[in-house]
Structures are given as C-alpha cells and as structure tokens.
Amino acid sequence: MADEYQPLVGHDGQESVSVISRRNKLVVMVLMSTVYFLISSVYALLSPFFPQVAKSRGVSHTEIGLIFAVYPIFTLLTSPICGILLPRIGVVFALWAGIAIEAGCNILFGFLPSVLDRGLFVAFCLIIRSIQGVASACSLIAALAIVSSVFADNVATATSTLETFSALGLMAGPPIGGLLYQAGGFKLPFIVLGSVSLVIGCISIFFIPRIAYATSSPPWRLMKQLIVHPRVMIISFGVALQMLVIGFLDPTLSLHLKPLNLTTSQIGFIFLALPAGYGLFSPVFGYLSDRFGYRPFIIFGSIGMGISLLFVGPAPFIRIKLSIGQSVPSLLALGIAGAAAITTSFADILEVAMKDLTNDNPDESSDFVIHSVVSGLFTTALSLGQVVGPIVGGIFTSLSQTSFDRTAMGIGFAIMTQE
C-alpha cells in the first residue's frame, strides 16, 4: 500500500499543477525569483563592510573567513535532509519557515555590534550565520521544487530564471550592503533586507499552490537511489566541480590581478564579469536545452569552463600576458559556459529520476516527492562546490610555490575530463 506524504498545511487549497492558470504560474515565478534574489543578496551583503567592522573588534582573519564559510557549510549539511523532509512538512510551510527564520536572523545580525565581548561577538556571528544556512537550504529547495513542478514542461527554462536572479542577487548584494551601511550604519542593511524578506514570505503563503502528492517509496529511499545512480553521480560531481571553480576565484583572483596595480573598484568590476555572463545567458541555455536536450549543453558548458579557465590564468603554454583585456573576456566566457553546464544539470537529473525511478509506477512521473528529492540533491552539489572552492583557493594561495595559472590549468583540465 502506498505511503501518503501530505503537507502540514492540510488538504484545503491543494491543487494539481496541471490546472494552475498561466497568470498564477507567472506570480509563482516572480515570487520564487524574488526569493532567490533576496537569499543571494543576503549571503553577499556582508562583503563590503563586515570584515572591517570585525577587525575593529579584534576578530582574526581566520575567524572572519569562518563566519563567511559557515553559511554554505550548513546549507551543504542540511540540503539533503531538507529534500527528504519537504514532502512531510509541506512545501508552503517549508518555504515560509525558511524565509521567516533567515529574515529574523538577518535582522538580529544587525544588532550584533551591541555585543561588546569579542568572544561572544564571534560566537553569535557563527550561530546566526549557521541558522541562516539551514533556513536558506529549506527555502531554496522548496522554491526550486515548486518551480520545477509548476513548470514541468519547461523545467530548464524555469530553473534557469531562478539562477539568473540568484546571480543578480550576488551582484547586487555587496553594493546594496555598502550603500545602506553608509546611509544608516551597520544595522540598516540587515533590517531592510530582513524586512523585505518577511514581506515576500507572507505574500508567498497566499499565492503559492498547495500541491498534493503521494509515493510508494519514502523520500529517503528515493534519495538513496539517486545518489547511487551512475549518471546522477556524474552530473552531481560535475555541478560541484563547476561551483568549485567559481568559489576558487573568490580568495585568489584579486591577488592574481595585483601585478596590474588596479584599484579596489576596478577589481570589483572585473569580478562582475563572471556573474554577468552567468546571469545573462542562463535563460538562453535553459530555453534551448528544453528544446534540444540537456546533455549537449552540459558537455559544451563543461568543456567551455575548462578552456575559459585556461585563459583566466593564463596557462603557462598560452602565450598571452596577464591584462584587463585578457581577464575580463575570460571571466565572461567562464560565466557563460557555467550557465550552460550548471543551469541544465538540474533538469537532466530530474529527467533521469523521472525515467529510472518511476518504472514500476508510471503515475508517479509527476510526483512532487521526486522534485523535492532532486532539489535537495542538486542544492547539496552546489553547496559542496561553494564550500570546497574557497578552501582550495586559500590553500593554493598560501603555497607560494604553487602559482595561480598552474592551479587554474589543473582545475580546467579536470572539468573538461569529468564529462
């Protein structure tokens, strides 16, 4: 007898995604894109001013790095759990709870300078950022599962739109944080974004459909089947490796560009090339892959990222000098290739899951449980790359005998061969 997994919000208002009107689908996309934008903005909000504030409180560089890293670490640890539990607790409740908790923690973070003791300041920073990581995993997975279910016929197009707004959030977070910090001090950035997030969370309760679902297999069993599936393992490893590249550049690129004697603002604009390429081309590759297949774009993107990374160095065998004219196009190409590889990977994993995990019961092909589990696995792969990338970059930065160009070359060849 099939095990039924119903959300805690109850049966009232549950509806089949196949009967949702086009207008309501548009509302869902706007709300979920806003959620992705806000979560990414909150994640990057601290960059322009928090390190200086923390240093003034006697916080070490290592502790500051840990405060930044603990967010994606807890997102990584809790993403598979959230994907498994999502059918139990209900997608709307999970989305709202994740947004509300992260927003509350964000507002609370703004008051941390009132903590005078250095040790307590660091401890509270770590605790709040950890809780935010858990909450973001919950809301991101819920949003991804909702969009992939509502737009089941155009999964890559829909999820690539989310990736675009995620990239925009990462780009907008630092300038928003810097401007609000200058306007109203440490508290204002966190209060403003936290309040906006709460409003979006409340609106979502009324506009996100309650999706009914049932499955003959518990979510944890579906997750286990996915993890050991050869094709899913390859795609997930590729996503983690591709995100590792982006994370690797965070602590290393500015040091790599030091010989060019650029100002901080100039380096900041160079950093924008990668997310700009990623955000602009994600919808393009999503739309095309829904019509021509996902795997060709994954292969094209992986090879493109590897080649682009060789030119970012540039690799020792490429006779091009380090310059702005070499760095910006290389990073832009890296972002475009990343859009082709990463944004189509979720749809490919979902396609594999629908085909291979539902052979015994074709009616399960539209089951929301699979969307939830795949969302959890995909977010786990993304978070793994986000965590490992800066660590790899930091290690190789500390090893003076290992140059940036050779490290980038090695990672580039690894990406090209993994597919």
Foldseek 3Di string as FASTA:
>chain_A
DFDFQAAPVDDPQADALVPDDPVLLVVLLVLLLVLLLLLLLLLQQCPPPVVVVLVVLVDDPVLVVLLSQLLLVLLLVCLLVLLQCCSRHFLLVLQLVLLLLLLVLLLVLLCLVVPNDSVVSSVSSNVSSNSNSNSSSSNQLSSLLLQCLSPVLQSLLSLLSSLLSNLVSNLVNHVLSVVQCVVPNSNRSSNVSSVVSNVSSVVSSPSRGGHGFIGRDRLVVLLVVQCPDVVSVLLLLLLLLLLLQLLQCVVAVVVLCVVVVDDPVVVSVLNSLQSVLQNVQLSVLSRVCSPVNQVVLQLQLLLQLLVLLCQCLVAPVDPDDDDSVSNNVSSNSNNNSSSSNLSSSLVVSLVCSLPPVQPVPNVCSSGSSSSSSSSSSSSSSSSSSNNVNNVVNVVQVVVVVRGSSVVSNVSSVVSNPSD
